[in-house]
Amino acid sequence: ARKEFDGPIAVVCGAFHVPALQATRPLKEDQAILKGLARR
């Protein structure tokens, strides 16, 4: 979304997730976590 939109973005989530979403992590790490994610 940061790449798609030009302007402020609001993220509304459960308070518990805020520290994890604010943390800076390489995209490759997150992609690796989701690798092989089954979908139906």
All heavy atoms as atom14 arrays in JSON, in Angstrom:
{
  "sequence": "ARKEFDGPIAVVCGAFHVPALQATRPLKEDQAILKGLARR",
  "atom14_mask": [
    [1, 1, 1, 1, 1, 0, 0, 0, 0, 0, 0, 0, 0, 0],
    [1, 1, 1, 1, 1, 1, 1, 1, 1, 1, 1, 0, 0, 0],
    [1, 1, 1, 1, 1, 1, 1, 1, 1, 0, 0, 0, 0, 0],
    [1, 1, 1, 1, 1, 1, 1, 1, 1, 0, 0, 0, 0, 0],
    [1, 1, 1, 1, 1, 1, 1, 1, 1, 1, 1, 0, 0, 0],
    [1, 1, 1, 1, 1, 1, 1, 1, 0, 0, 0, 0, 0, 0],
    [1, 1, 1, 1, 0, 0, 0, 0, 0, 0, 0, 0, 0, 0],
    [1, 1, 1, 1, 1, 1, 1, 0, 0, 0, 0, 0, 0, 0],
    [1, 1, 1, 1, 1, 1, 1, 1, 0, 0, 0, 0, 0, 0],
    [1, 1, 1, 1, 1, 0, 0, 0, 0, 0, 0, 0, 0, 0],
    [1, 1, 1, 1, 1, 1, 1, 0, 0, 0, 0, 0, 0, 0],
    [1, 1, 1, 1, 1, 1, 1, 0, 0, 0, 0, 0, 0, 0],
    [1, 1, 1, 1, 1, 1, 0, 0, 0, 0, 0, 0, 0, 0],
    [1, 1, 1, 1, 0, 0, 0, 0, 0, 0, 0, 0, 0, 0],
    [1, 1, 1, 1, 1, 0, 0, 0, 0, 0, 0, 0, 0, 0],
    [1, 1, 1, 1, 1, 1, 1, 1, 1, 1, 1, 0, 0, 0],
    [1, 1, 1, 1, 1, 1, 1, 1, 1, 1, 0, 0, 0, 0],
    [1, 1, 1, 1, 1, 1, 1, 0, 0, 0, 0, 0, 0, 0],
    [1, 1, 1, 1, 1, 1, 1, 0, 0, 0, 0, 0, 0, 0],
    [1, 1, 1, 1, 1, 0, 0, 0, 0, 0, 0, 0, 0, 0],
    [1, 1, 1, 1, 1, 1, 1, 1, 0, 0, 0, 0, 0, 0],
    [1, 1, 1, 1, 1, 1, 1, 1, 1, 0, 0, 0, 0, 0],
    [1, 1, 1, 1, 1, 0, 0, 0, 0, 0, 0, 0, 0, 0],
    [1, 1, 1, 1, 1, 1, 1, 0, 0, 0, 0, 0, 0, 0],
    [1, 1, 1, 1, 1, 1, 1, 1, 1, 1, 1, 0, 0, 0],
    [1, 1, 1, 1, 1, 1, 1, 0, 0, 0, 0, 0, 0, 0],
    [1, 1, 1, 1, 1, 1, 1, 1, 0, 0, 0, 0, 0, 0],
    [1, 1, 1, 1, 1, 1, 1, 1, 1, 0, 0, 0, 0, 0],
    [1, 1, 1, 1, 1, 1, 1, 1, 1, 0, 0, 0, 0, 0],
    [1, 1, 1, 1, 1, 1, 1, 1, 0, 0, 0, 0, 0, 0],
    [1, 1, 1, 1, 1, 1, 1, 1, 1, 0, 0, 0, 0, 0],
    [1, 1, 1, 1, 1, 0, 0, 0, 0, 0, 0, 0, 0, 0],
    [1, 1, 1, 1, 1, 1, 1, 1, 0, 0, 0, 0, 0, 0],
    [1, 1, 1, 1, 1, 1, 1, 1, 0, 0, 0, 0, 0, 0],
    [1, 1, 1, 1, 1, 1, 1, 1, 1, 0, 0, 0, 0, 0],
    [1, 1, 1, 1, 0, 0, 0, 0, 0, 0, 0, 0, 0, 0],
    [1, 1, 1, 1, 1, 1, 1, 1, 0, 0, 0, 0, 0, 0],
    [1, 1, 1, 1, 1, 0, 0, 0, 0, 0, 0, 0, 0, 0],
    [1, 1, 1, 1, 1, 1, 1, 1, 1, 1, 1, 0, 0, 0],
    [1, 1, 1, 1, 1, 1, 1, 1, 1, 1, 1, 0, 0, 0]
  ],
  "atom14_positions": [
    [[0.83, -1.21, 0.0], [0.0, 0.0, 0.0], [0.86, 1.26, 0.0], [0.51, 2.28, -0.63], [-0.93, -0.01, 1.21], [0.0, 0.0, 0.0], [0.0, 0.0, 0.0], [0.0, 0.0, 0.0], [0.0, 0.0, 0.0], [0.0, 0.0, 0.0], [0.0, 0.0, 0.0], [0.0, 0.0, 0.0], [0.0, 0.0, 0.0], [0.0, 0.0, 0.0]],
    [[1.99, 1.23, 0.68], [2.88, 2.4, 0.7], [3.39, 2.73, -0.7], [3.57, 3.9, -1.06], [4.05, 2.15, 1.64], [3.66, 2.06, 3.1], [4.88, 1.87, 3.99], [5.7, 3.07, 4.02], [6.89, 3.15, 4.6], [7.42, 2.07, 5.15], [7.56, 4.28, 4.59], [0.0, 0.0, 0.0], [0.0, 0.0, 0.0], [0.0, 0.0, 0.0]],
    [[3.6, 1.7, -1.5], [4.06, 1.92, -2.87], [2.9, 2.38, -3.77], [3.11, 3.11, -4.73], [4.67, 0.64, -3.43], [5.98, 0.24, -2.76], [6.54, -1.02, -3.4], [7.87, -1.43, -2.75], [8.43, -2.64, -3.36], [0.0, 0.0, 0.0], [0.0, 0.0, 0.0], [0.0, 0.0, 0.0], [0.0, 0.0, 0.0], [0.0, 0.0, 0.0]],
    [[1.69, 1.92, -3.44], [0.54, 2.2, -4.31], [-0.02, 3.6, -4.1], [-0.42, 4.26, -5.07], [-0.55, 1.16, -4.04], [-1.81, 1.36, -4.87], [-2.88, 0.33, -4.56], [-2.6, -0.61, -3.79], [-4.01, 0.48, -5.08], [0.0, 0.0, 0.0], [0.0, 0.0, 0.0], [0.0, 0.0, 0.0], [0.0, 0.0, 0.0], [0.0, 0.0, 0.0]],
    [[-0.07, 4.07, -2.85], [-0.77, 5.32, -2.55], [0.22, 6.45, -2.26], [1.27, 6.23, -1.65], [-1.71, 5.14, -1.36], [-2.81, 4.15, -1.6], [-2.75, 2.87, -1.07], [-3.9, 4.5, -2.38], [-3.75, 1.96, -1.3], [-4.91, 3.59, -2.62], [-4.84, 2.32, -2.08], [0.0, 0.0, 0.0], [0.0, 0.0, 0.0], [0.0, 0.0, 0.0]],
    [[-0.17, 7.63, -2.69], [0.63, 8.83, -2.42], [-0.14, 9.68, -1.42], [-1.07, 10.41, -1.78], [0.86, 9.6, -3.73], [1.81, 10.78, -3.51], [2.41, 10.86, -2.42], [1.91, 11.61, -4.43], [0.0, 0.0, 0.0], [0.0, 0.0, 0.0], [0.0, 0.0, 0.0], [0.0, 0.0, 0.0], [0.0, 0.0, 0.0], [0.0, 0.0, 0.0]],
    [[0.2, 9.57, -0.16], [-0.52, 10.28, 0.89], [-0.51, 9.46, 2.16], [-0.01, 8.33, 2.2], [0.0, 0.0, 0.0], [0.0, 0.0, 0.0], [0.0, 0.0, 0.0], [0.0, 0.0, 0.0], [0.0, 0.0, 0.0], [0.0, 0.0, 0.0], [0.0, 0.0, 0.0], [0.0, 0.0, 0.0], [0.0, 0.0, 0.0], [0.0, 0.0, 0.0]],
    [[-1.08, 9.98, 3.22], [-1.09, 9.26, 4.5], [-1.96, 8.0, 4.44], [-2.99, 7.97, 3.77], [-1.65, 10.28, 5.48], [-2.41, 11.26, 4.66], [-1.7, 11.32, 3.34], [0.0, 0.0, 0.0], [0.0, 0.0, 0.0], [0.0, 0.0, 0.0], [0.0, 0.0, 0.0], [0.0, 0.0, 0.0], [0.0, 0.0, 0.0], [0.0, 0.0, 0.0]],
    [[-1.5, 6.99, 5.14], [-2.2, 5.7, 5.21], [-2.48, 5.39, 6.67], [-1.61, 5.58, 7.53], [-1.36, 4.58, 4.58], [-1.17, 4.82, 3.08], [-2.01, 3.22, 4.81], [-0.23, 3.83, 2.43], [0.0, 0.0, 0.0], [0.0, 0.0, 0.0], [0.0, 0.0, 0.0], [0.0, 0.0, 0.0], [0.0, 0.0, 0.0], [0.0, 0.0, 0.0]],
    [[-3.69, 4.94, 6.96], [-4.08, 4.55, 8.31], [-4.19, 3.04, 8.39], [-4.84, 2.41, 7.55], [-5.41, 5.2, 8.71], [0.0, 0.0, 0.0], [0.0, 0.0, 0.0], [0.0, 0.0, 0.0], [0.0, 0.0, 0.0], [0.0, 0.0, 0.0], [0.0, 0.0, 0.0], [0.0, 0.0, 0.0], [0.0, 0.0, 0.0], [0.0, 0.0, 0.0]],
    [[-3.55, 2.45, 9.38], [-3.64, 1.01, 9.63], [-4.43, 0.82, 10.93], [-4.01, 1.3, 11.99], [-2.25, 0.36, 9.75], [-2.39, -1.11, 10.13], [-1.49, 0.5, 8.44], [0.0, 0.0, 0.0], [0.0, 0.0, 0.0], [0.0, 0.0, 0.0], [0.0, 0.0, 0.0], [0.0, 0.0, 0.0], [0.0, 0.0, 0.0], [0.0, 0.0, 0.0]],
    [[-5.57, 0.14, 10.84], [-6.43, -0.12, 11.99], [-6.33, -1.6, 12.32], [-6.73, -2.46, 11.52], [-7.89, 0.26, 11.69], [-8.77, -0.02, 12.9], [-8.0, 1.72, 11.28], [0.0, 0.0, 0.0], [0.0, 0.0, 0.0], [0.0, 0.0, 0.0], [0.0, 0.0, 0.0], [0.0, 0.0, 0.0], [0.0, 0.0, 0.0], [0.0, 0.0, 0.0]],
    [[-5.76, -1.9, 13.48], [-5.54, -3.31, 13.84], [-5.67, -3.47, 15.34], [-5.71, -2.49, 16.1], [-4.16, -3.77, 13.38], [-2.81, -2.87, 14.16], [0.0, 0.0, 0.0], [0.0, 0.0, 0.0], [0.0, 0.0, 0.0], [0.0, 0.0, 0.0], [0.0, 0.0, 0.0], [0.0, 0.0, 0.0], [0.0, 0.0, 0.0], [0.0, 0.0, 0.0]],
    [[-5.74, -4.71, 15.78], [-5.75, -4.98, 17.21], [-4.5, -4.41, 17.85], [-3.4, -4.48, 17.3], [0.0, 0.0, 0.0], [0.0, 0.0, 0.0], [0.0, 0.0, 0.0], [0.0, 0.0, 0.0], [0.0, 0.0, 0.0], [0.0, 0.0, 0.0], [0.0, 0.0, 0.0], [0.0, 0.0, 0.0], [0.0, 0.0, 0.0], [0.0, 0.0, 0.0]],
    [[-4.68, -3.81, 19.03], [-3.55, -3.12, 19.67], [-2.35, -4.02, 19.84], [-1.2, -3.57, 19.74], [-4.01, -2.58, 21.03], [0.0, 0.0, 0.0], [0.0, 0.0, 0.0], [0.0, 0.0, 0.0], [0.0, 0.0, 0.0], [0.0, 0.0, 0.0], [0.0, 0.0, 0.0], [0.0, 0.0, 0.0], [0.0, 0.0, 0.0], [0.0, 0.0, 0.0]],
    [[-2.57, -5.29, 20.05], [-1.46, -6.22, 20.29], [-0.51, -6.3, 19.1], [0.69, -6.55, 19.27], [-2.04, -7.6, 20.6], [-1.0, -8.64, 20.92], [-0.42, -8.69, 22.18], [-0.59, -9.55, 19.97], [0.55, -9.65, 22.47], [0.37, -10.51, 20.25], [0.94, -10.55, 21.51], [0.0, 0.0, 0.0], [0.0, 0.0, 0.0], [0.0, 0.0, 0.0]],
    [[-1.02, -6.1, 17.87], [-0.21, -6.27, 16.68], [0.61, -5.04, 16.32], [1.49, -5.12, 15.46], [-1.1, -6.64, 15.48], [-1.84, -7.92, 15.66], [-1.22, -9.13, 15.76], [-3.17, -8.17, 15.76], [-2.12, -10.1, 15.91], [-3.32, -9.53, 15.91], [0.0, 0.0, 0.0], [0.0, 0.0, 0.0], [0.0, 0.0, 0.0], [0.0, 0.0, 0.0]],
    [[0.34, -3.89, 16.93], [1.0, -2.65, 16.52], [2.52, -2.73, 16.57], [3.2, -2.38, 15.6], [0.48, -1.46, 17.36], [1.32, -0.21, 17.1], [-0.98, -1.18, 17.02], [0.0, 0.0, 0.0], [0.0, 0.0, 0.0], [0.0, 0.0, 0.0], [0.0, 0.0, 0.0], [0.0, 0.0, 0.0], [0.0, 0.0, 0.0], [0.0, 0.0, 0.0]],
    [[3.13, -3.2, 17.67], [4.6, -3.26, 17.68], [5.17, -4.11, 16.56], [6.19, -3.74, 15.95], [4.91, -3.87, 19.06], [3.72, -3.57, 19.89], [2.56, -3.63, 18.95], [0.0, 0.0, 0.0], [0.0, 0.0, 0.0], [0.0, 0.0, 0.0], [0.0, 0.0, 0.0], [0.0, 0.0, 0.0], [0.0, 0.0, 0.0], [0.0, 0.0, 0.0]],
    [[4.53, -5.22, 16.24], [5.04, -6.1, 15.19], [4.88, -5.47, 13.81], [5.74, -5.64, 12.94], [4.31, -7.44, 15.23], [0.0, 0.0, 0.0], [0.0, 0.0, 0.0], [0.0, 0.0, 0.0], [0.0, 0.0, 0.0], [0.0, 0.0, 0.0], [0.0, 0.0, 0.0], [0.0, 0.0, 0.0], [0.0, 0.0, 0.0], [0.0, 0.0, 0.0]],
    [[3.81, -4.72, 13.58], [3.59, -4.11, 12.27], [4.48, -2.88, 12.08], [4.85, -2.54, 10.95], [2.12, -3.73, 12.09], [1.11, -4.89, 12.18], [-0.29, -4.4, 11.81], [1.51, -6.06, 11.31], [0.0, 0.0, 0.0], [0.0, 0.0, 0.0], [0.0, 0.0, 0.0], [0.0, 0.0, 0.0], [0.0, 0.0, 0.0], [0.0, 0.0, 0.0]],
    [[4.82, -2.22, 13.16], [5.71, -1.06, 13.07], [7.17, -1.47, 12.87], [7.96, -0.69, 12.35], [5.61, -0.22, 14.35], [4.34, 0.61, 14.46], [4.28, 1.41, 15.73], [4.79, 0.96, 16.77], [3.67, 2.59, 15.67], [0.0, 0.0, 0.0], [0.0, 0.0, 0.0], [0.0, 0.0, 0.0], [0.0, 0.0, 0.0], [0.0, 0.0, 0.0]],
    [[7.49, -2.69, 13.27], [8.88, -3.14, 13.2], [9.34, -3.22, 11.75], [8.59, -3.61, 10.85], [9.02, -4.51, 13.87], [0.0, 0.0, 0.0], [0.0, 0.0, 0.0], [0.0, 0.0, 0.0], [0.0, 0.0, 0.0], [0.0, 0.0, 0.0], [0.0, 0.0, 0.0], [0.0, 0.0, 0.0], [0.0, 0.0, 0.0], [0.0, 0.0, 0.0]],
    [[10.58, -2.83, 11.52], [11.18, -2.9, 10.18], [11.81, -4.27, 9.98], [12.74, -4.66, 10.71], [12.25, -1.81, 10.01], [11.64, -0.53, 10.25], [12.83, -1.85, 8.61], [0.0, 0.0, 0.0], [0.0, 0.0, 0.0], [0.0, 0.0, 0.0], [0.0, 0.0, 0.0], [0.0, 0.0, 0.0], [0.0, 0.0, 0.0], [0.0, 0.0, 0.0]],
    [[11.28, -5.0, 9.01], [11.81, -6.33, 8.7], [11.97, -6.47, 7.21], [11.14, -5.94, 6.43], [10.86, -7.42, 9.23], [10.7, -7.41, 10.74], [9.89, -8.58, 11.22], [10.49, -9.86, 10.87], [10.04, -11.04, 11.31], [8.98, -11.08, 12.11], [10.63, -12.15, 10.96], [0.0, 0.0, 0.0], [0.0, 0.0, 0.0], [0.0, 0.0, 0.0]],
    [[12.97, -7.2, 6.75], [13.14, -7.42, 5.31], [11.93, -8.13, 4.72], [11.38, -9.05, 5.34], [14.4, -8.29, 5.22], [15.11, -8.06, 6.51], [14.06, -7.82, 7.54], [0.0, 0.0, 0.0], [0.0, 0.0, 0.0], [0.0, 0.0, 0.0], [0.0, 0.0, 0.0], [0.0, 0.0, 0.0], [0.0, 0.0, 0.0], [0.0, 0.0, 0.0]],
    [[11.51, -7.68, 3.53], [10.35, -8.31, 2.89], [10.59, -9.79, 2.65], [9.65, -10.6, 2.71], [10.06, -7.6, 1.56], [9.61, -6.14, 1.64], [9.34, -5.6, 0.24], [8.36, -6.01, 2.49], [0.0, 0.0, 0.0], [0.0, 0.0, 0.0], [0.0, 0.0, 0.0], [0.0, 0.0, 0.0], [0.0, 0.0, 0.0], [0.0, 0.0, 0.0]],
    [[11.84, -10.16, 2.39], [12.13, -11.56, 2.1], [11.83, -12.46, 3.29], [11.41, -13.6, 3.13], [13.6, -11.71, 1.68], [13.9, -11.12, 0.32], [15.33, -11.4, -0.1], [15.62, -10.84, -1.5], [17.01, -11.09, -1.93], [0.0, 0.0, 0.0], [0.0, 0.0, 0.0], [0.0, 0.0, 0.0], [0.0, 0.0, 0.0], [0.0, 0.0, 0.0]],
    [[12.03, -11.94, 4.5], [11.73, -12.75, 5.69], [10.23, -13.03, 5.78], [9.82, -14.16, 6.06], [12.21, -12.03, 6.95], [13.71, -12.01, 7.13], [14.1, -11.46, 8.48], [13.21, -11.36, 9.36], [15.28, -11.12, 8.66], [0.0, 0.0, 0.0], [0.0, 0.0, 0.0], [0.0, 0.0, 0.0], [0.0, 0.0, 0.0], [0.0, 0.0, 0.0]],
    [[9.43, -11.99, 5.57], [7.98, -12.19, 5.61], [7.51, -13.1, 4.48], [6.62, -13.94, 4.67], [7.26, -10.84, 5.54], [7.39, -10.05, 6.83], [7.62, -10.68, 7.88], [7.29, -8.81, 6.78], [0.0, 0.0, 0.0], [0.0, 0.0, 0.0], [0.0, 0.0, 0.0], [0.0, 0.0, 0.0], [0.0, 0.0, 0.0], [0.0, 0.0, 0.0]],
    [[8.09, -12.94, 3.31], [7.72, -13.8, 2.19], [8.09, -15.25, 2.48], [7.36, -16.18, 2.1], [8.4, -13.31, 0.91], [7.84, -11.97, 0.41], [8.68, -11.36, -0.67], [9.81, -11.8, -0.94], [8.17, -10.3, -1.32], [0.0, 0.0, 0.0], [0.0, 0.0, 0.0], [0.0, 0.0, 0.0], [0.0, 0.0, 0.0], [0.0, 0.0, 0.0]],
    [[9.22, -15.44, 3.17], [9.62, -16.8, 3.52], [8.65, -17.43, 4.5], [8.35, -18.63, 4.43], [11.04, -16.78, 4.1], [0.0, 0.0, 0.0], [0.0, 0.0, 0.0], [0.0, 0.0, 0.0], [0.0, 0.0, 0.0], [0.0, 0.0, 0.0], [0.0, 0.0, 0.0], [0.0, 0.0, 0.0], [0.0, 0.0, 0.0], [0.0, 0.0, 0.0]],
    [[8.14, -16.62, 5.45], [7.17, -17.14, 6.42], [5.9, -17.61, 5.72], [5.29, -18.62, 6.11], [6.85, -16.05, 7.47], [8.08, -15.75, 8.32], [5.67, -16.48, 8.35], [7.87, -14.6, 9.29], [0.0, 0.0, 0.0], [0.0, 0.0, 0.0], [0.0, 0.0, 0.0], [0.0, 0.0, 0.0], [0.0, 0.0, 0.0], [0.0, 0.0, 0.0]],
    [[5.52, -16.89, 4.66], [4.26, -17.21, 3.95], [4.47, -18.18, 2.8], [3.5, -18.51, 2.11], [3.63, -15.92, 3.42], [3.19, -14.9, 4.47], [2.72, -13.63, 3.8], [2.09, -15.47, 5.35], [0.0, 0.0, 0.0], [0.0, 0.0, 0.0], [0.0, 0.0, 0.0], [0.0, 0.0, 0.0], [0.0, 0.0, 0.0], [0.0, 0.0, 0.0]],
    [[5.69, -18.64, 2.59], [5.96, -19.53, 1.47], [5.17, -20.82, 1.62], [5.11, -21.42, 2.7], [7.45, -19.84, 1.4], [7.83, -20.65, 0.16], [9.34, -20.87, 0.08], [9.71, -21.67, -1.16], [11.18, -21.9, -1.25], [0.0, 0.0, 0.0], [0.0, 0.0, 0.0], [0.0, 0.0, 0.0], [0.0, 0.0, 0.0], [0.0, 0.0, 0.0]],
    [[4.55, -21.24, 0.53], [3.76, -22.47, 0.55], [2.43, -22.33, 1.24], [1.81, -23.34, 1.61], [0.0, 0.0, 0.0], [0.0, 0.0, 0.0], [0.0, 0.0, 0.0], [0.0, 0.0, 0.0], [0.0, 0.0, 0.0], [0.0, 0.0, 0.0], [0.0, 0.0, 0.0], [0.0, 0.0, 0.0], [0.0, 0.0, 0.0], [0.0, 0.0, 0.0]],
    [[1.98, -21.09, 1.43], [0.69, -20.87, 2.09], [-0.44, -21.48, 1.26], [-0.63, -21.13, 0.1], [0.45, -19.37, 2.27], [-0.77, -18.95, 3.09], [-0.61, -19.36, 4.54], [-0.99, -17.45, 2.98], [0.0, 0.0, 0.0], [0.0, 0.0, 0.0], [0.0, 0.0, 0.0], [0.0, 0.0, 0.0], [0.0, 0.0, 0.0], [0.0, 0.0, 0.0]],
    [[-1.14, -22.42, 1.86], [-2.21, -23.12, 1.13], [-3.41, -22.19, 0.98], [-3.78, -21.47, 1.91], [-2.62, -24.37, 1.88], [0.0, 0.0, 0.0], [0.0, 0.0, 0.0], [0.0, 0.0, 0.0], [0.0, 0.0, 0.0], [0.0, 0.0, 0.0], [0.0, 0.0, 0.0], [0.0, 0.0, 0.0], [0.0, 0.0, 0.0], [0.0, 0.0, 0.0]],
    [[-4.0, -22.21, -0.21], [-5.19, -21.39, -0.46], [-6.25, -22.23, -1.16], [-5.93, -23.12, -1.94], [-4.84, -20.18, -1.32], [-3.77, -19.28, -0.68], [-3.79, -17.91, -1.27], [-2.77, -17.04, -0.71], [-2.73, -15.74, -0.83], [-3.69, -15.13, -1.49], [-1.77, -15.03, -0.29], [0.0, 0.0, 0.0], [0.0, 0.0, 0.0], [0.0, 0.0, 0.0]],
    [[-7.48, -21.92, -0.85], [-8.61, -22.6, -1.49], [-9.61, -21.54, -1.92], [-9.71, -20.48, -1.31], [-9.27, -23.56, -0.49], [-8.36, -24.7, -0.07], [-8.7, -25.19, 1.32], [-9.94, -25.94, 1.35], [-10.44, -26.48, 2.46], [-9.81, -26.35, 3.6], [-11.57, -27.14, 2.43], [0.0, 0.0, 0.0], [0.0, 0.0, 0.0], [0.0, 0.0, 0.0]]
  ]
}
